[in-house]
Protein backbone atom coordinates (compact mmCIF):
# COMPACT_ATOMS: atom_id res chain seq x y z
CA MET A 1 164.08 -1.52 -53.17
CA SER A 2 163.98 -3.85 -50.32
CA THR A 3 166.06 -3.35 -47.04
CA LYS A 4 167.56 -6.78 -45.38
CA THR A 5 167.92 -6.60 -41.49
CA GLY A 6 170.65 -8.76 -40.12
CA VAL A 7 171.59 -9.96 -36.49
CA SER A 8 174.88 -8.43 -35.44
CA GLY A 9 177.59 -10.62 -34.07
CA ARG A 10 177.26 -9.25 -30.69
CA LYS A 11 173.75 -10.08 -30.58
CA ARG A 12 174.17 -13.43 -31.93
CA VAL A 13 176.92 -14.16 -28.89
CA ILE A 14 174.01 -13.04 -26.54
CA VAL A 15 171.46 -15.16 -27.84
CA ALA A 16 173.64 -18.21 -27.93
CA GLY A 17 174.53 -17.36 -24.37
CA GLY A 18 170.97 -17.21 -23.48
CA ALA A 19 170.41 -20.65 -25.22
CA LEU A 20 173.24 -22.31 -23.25
CA LEU A 21 171.89 -20.82 -19.69
CA ALA A 22 168.60 -22.32 -20.78
CA ALA A 23 169.97 -25.60 -21.49
CA ALA A 24 171.76 -25.56 -18.25
CA GLY A 25 168.60 -24.98 -16.25
CA LEU A 26 166.81 -27.77 -18.01
CA VAL A 27 169.82 -29.98 -16.79
CA THR A 28 169.76 -28.95 -13.22
CA ALA A 29 165.70 -29.26 -12.92
CA ALA A 30 166.21 -32.77 -14.19
CA ALA A 31 168.87 -33.71 -11.70
CA PHE A 32 168.06 -36.72 -8.99
CA THR A 33 167.08 -35.66 -5.51
CA ASP A 34 167.17 -37.35 -2.03
CA PHE A 35 166.73 -36.63 1.69
CA ALA A 36 166.81 -38.48 5.09
CA ASN A 37 164.96 -37.44 8.35
CA LEU A 38 165.56 -38.75 11.79
CA ASN A 39 163.10 -38.06 14.76
CA LEU A 40 165.18 -37.18 17.58
CA GLY A 41 164.10 -39.01 21.11
CA ASN A 42 164.62 -42.21 22.72
CA GLY A 43 163.95 -44.36 19.44
CA THR A 44 160.24 -45.18 19.81
CA ASP A 45 157.32 -43.47 18.16
CA ASP A 46 156.01 -40.37 19.50
CA SER A 47 159.14 -39.83 21.54
CA GLY A 48 161.13 -36.47 21.48
CA VAL A 49 163.39 -34.64 23.59
CA GLY A 50 162.12 -34.43 27.27
CA GLY A 51 158.73 -35.60 27.93
CA ASN A 52 159.87 -38.01 30.66
CA ASN A 53 161.98 -35.48 32.75
CA ARG A 54 159.62 -34.55 35.37
CA PHE A 55 161.55 -34.02 38.65
CA ASN A 56 159.90 -34.01 41.88
CA ILE A 57 160.19 -34.85 45.50
CA GLN A 58 157.29 -35.11 47.84
CA VAL A 59 156.87 -35.43 51.76
CA VAL A 60 154.18 -37.28 54.05
CA ASN A 61 150.70 -35.68 53.49
CA THR A 62 149.38 -33.99 56.60
CA ASP A 63 145.48 -33.30 57.77
CA ALA A 64 143.95 -30.15 58.94
CA SER A 65 145.80 -30.33 62.20
CA GLY A 66 149.08 -30.99 60.76
CA ASN A 67 149.17 -34.84 61.73
CA PRO A 68 150.93 -36.93 59.23
CA ILE A 69 148.89 -39.27 56.82
CA PRO A 70 151.08 -42.45 56.29
CA GLY A 71 150.75 -43.50 52.74
CA GLU A 72 149.66 -40.29 51.41
CA TRP A 73 152.00 -37.55 49.95
CA GLN A 74 152.20 -33.97 49.30
CA GLU A 75 154.44 -31.39 47.37
CA ALA A 76 154.78 -28.82 50.32
CA ASN A 77 156.83 -26.61 47.67
CA THR A 78 155.90 -23.15 48.94
CA GLU A 79 157.97 -20.69 51.00
CA ALA A 80 155.18 -20.62 53.64
CA GLY A 81 155.59 -24.58 53.85
CA VAL A 82 153.06 -26.84 55.28
CA ASN A 83 152.20 -27.36 59.18
CA ILE A 84 153.42 -30.75 60.57
CA ASN A 85 152.59 -31.41 64.26
CA VAL A 86 155.24 -32.20 66.39
CA PRO A 87 153.72 -33.68 69.60
CA GLY A 88 154.28 -31.76 72.75
CA SER A 89 156.03 -28.80 70.77
CA GLU A 90 153.97 -26.17 72.60
CA LEU A 91 154.72 -27.69 76.10
CA ILE A 92 158.20 -28.37 75.77
CA THR A 93 160.17 -27.28 79.00
CA PRO A 94 163.82 -27.37 80.07
CA GLY A 95 164.87 -31.25 80.03
CA ASP A 96 162.34 -32.26 77.59
CA THR A 97 162.97 -33.97 74.15
CA ILE A 98 160.15 -34.28 71.48
CA SER A 99 160.52 -35.72 67.89
CA VAL A 100 158.42 -36.35 64.65
CA ASP A 101 158.87 -38.84 61.85
CA ILE A 102 158.80 -37.21 58.31
CA PRO A 103 158.37 -39.81 55.43
CA PHE A 104 159.81 -38.37 52.07
CA ARG A 105 160.18 -39.84 48.50
CA ASN A 106 161.54 -39.14 45.02
CA GLU A 107 158.18 -39.14 43.02
CA SER A 108 160.15 -38.41 39.76
CA PRO A 109 159.19 -41.44 36.97
CA ALA A 110 162.79 -41.40 35.70
CA LEU A 111 165.38 -39.14 37.24
CA ASN A 112 167.35 -40.15 40.40
CA ALA A 113 167.42 -37.26 43.17
CA LYS A 114 170.08 -36.07 45.59
CA ILE A 115 168.44 -35.10 48.64
CA SER A 116 169.62 -32.52 51.23
CA PHE A 117 168.03 -31.37 54.59
CA SER A 118 168.17 -28.14 56.27
CA LEU A 119 166.41 -26.27 59.22
CA GLN A 120 165.65 -22.69 58.25
CA ASP A 121 163.81 -19.75 59.87
CA ARG A 122 160.04 -19.62 58.76
CA ALA A 123 159.20 -16.79 56.40
CA GLY A 124 157.39 -14.10 57.86
CA LYS A 125 158.17 -15.00 61.55
CA THR A 126 160.82 -13.88 64.08
CA SER A 127 161.87 -16.32 66.77
CA ASP A 128 162.53 -15.35 70.18
CA PRO A 129 166.26 -15.33 70.19
CA ALA A 130 166.96 -17.13 73.94
CA ILE A 131 164.96 -20.35 72.95
CA ALA A 132 165.99 -20.27 69.26
CA ALA A 133 169.65 -20.41 70.63
CA ALA A 134 168.86 -22.91 73.30
CA LEU A 135 167.27 -25.56 71.23
CA ARG A 136 169.10 -28.58 70.07
CA TYR A 137 168.45 -31.02 67.31
CA THR A 138 168.99 -34.37 66.37
CA VAL A 139 168.60 -35.69 62.79
CA LYS A 140 168.42 -39.66 62.13
CA LEU A 141 167.77 -41.18 58.46
CA GLY A 142 165.73 -44.37 58.73
CA SER A 143 167.48 -46.75 61.01
CA ASP A 144 171.03 -45.37 60.40
CA PRO A 145 173.08 -43.74 62.96
CA ALA A 146 172.14 -40.04 63.67
CA ILE A 147 173.46 -37.60 61.04
CA VAL A 148 174.07 -35.02 63.35
CA THR A 149 173.06 -35.11 67.37
CA ASN A 150 172.26 -32.31 69.81
CA VAL A 151 173.27 -29.32 67.61
CA THR A 152 172.02 -25.66 66.98
CA GLN A 153 169.60 -25.15 64.13
CA ALA A 154 172.30 -23.48 62.38
CA ALA A 155 174.45 -26.67 62.17
CA VAL A 156 171.64 -28.51 60.34
CA ASN A 157 172.40 -27.08 57.12
CA ALA A 158 172.37 -28.92 53.80
CA LEU A 159 172.81 -32.51 55.47
CA ASP A 160 173.28 -35.03 52.57
CA LEU A 161 170.61 -37.69 52.93
CA GLY A 162 171.78 -39.41 49.88
CA LEU A 163 170.87 -40.44 46.13
CA TYR A 164 167.18 -41.87 45.49
CA THR A 165 166.06 -43.73 42.82
CA PRO A 166 162.47 -43.05 40.93
CA GLY A 167 159.94 -44.03 43.72
CA GLU A 168 162.35 -44.67 46.46
CA GLU A 169 161.20 -43.46 49.69
CA GLN A 170 162.76 -43.02 53.40
CA THR A 171 161.76 -41.62 56.99
CA LEU A 172 163.76 -38.72 58.57
CA THR A 173 163.28 -38.20 62.27
CA ILE A 174 163.88 -34.85 63.72
CA SER A 175 164.27 -34.87 67.55
CA ILE A 176 164.10 -31.46 69.61
CA SER A 177 165.46 -30.91 72.99
CA LEU A 178 165.49 -28.08 75.38
CA PRO A 179 168.14 -28.52 77.80
CA ASP A 180 168.45 -27.64 81.23
CA GLN A 181 169.77 -24.02 81.18
CA GLY A 182 171.50 -24.74 84.63
CA SER A 183 169.29 -22.69 87.01
CA ALA A 184 165.96 -22.07 87.82
CA ALA A 185 166.27 -18.41 86.74
CA ALA A 186 167.57 -19.55 83.42
CA ASN A 187 165.15 -21.83 82.83
CA ASN A 188 162.41 -19.77 83.82
CA ALA A 189 163.45 -16.93 81.32
CA LEU A 190 162.26 -19.41 78.25
CA GLN A 191 158.73 -19.18 79.66
CA GLY A 192 156.28 -18.18 76.68
CA GLU A 193 159.22 -17.96 74.09
CA VAL A 194 158.64 -19.57 70.76
CA SER A 195 161.15 -20.69 68.08
CA TYR A 196 159.75 -20.85 64.43
CA VAL A 197 161.60 -23.43 62.78
CA GLN A 198 161.09 -24.88 59.10
CA ALA A 199 162.25 -28.18 57.69
CA HIS A 200 163.55 -28.01 54.40
CA PHE A 201 164.18 -30.79 52.08
CA GLY A 202 166.31 -29.73 48.86
CA ALA A 203 166.73 -31.98 45.84
CA VAL A 204 168.94 -31.88 42.63
CA SER A 205 168.23 -34.08 39.79
CA ALA A 206 170.66 -36.93 38.67
CA GLN A 207 170.79 -38.95 35.55
CA PRO A 208 169.96 -42.95 36.34
């Protein structure tokens, strides 16, 4: 006697459902596809975000004796700074005025620079208080009238030198005066004293 094995109704539903899923999978695999890629940059080949955003200001280069070398440039971007010779600085006496010209420039290839100027204490040095308080400074930009005249070191703080386009340069002139203190005794009290002052150029980038 033979035994006939049949498929139950529940199993038939499962098999049918599996067949439908397989058919759906075939439909999905056969769908059309597409995509679009955009390279972010300035619109030219090999451009990206950044690359031409170097920001840098420079001051006149100096030789081993601190003398400015016209037409040459340096970074001077360390806390210690770079020495620059102010003729007559060591020999200044009451009634004298000495000065130095400091060319500077925006060396950035594409960014503008907002440049400011300050006088600050030289790192690691301590000035003699009397001469530091007695000295007076005048700061002049190019052929323009002086920005400040006969002021203390503290008053030369974040002076606005203006906005400079890429490659633009200018010359800052610092004049240092030691006024007569009003008496021989007061003048003589400044003998042998020294003030350690550092010229500081600050810059902030600006979009052209």
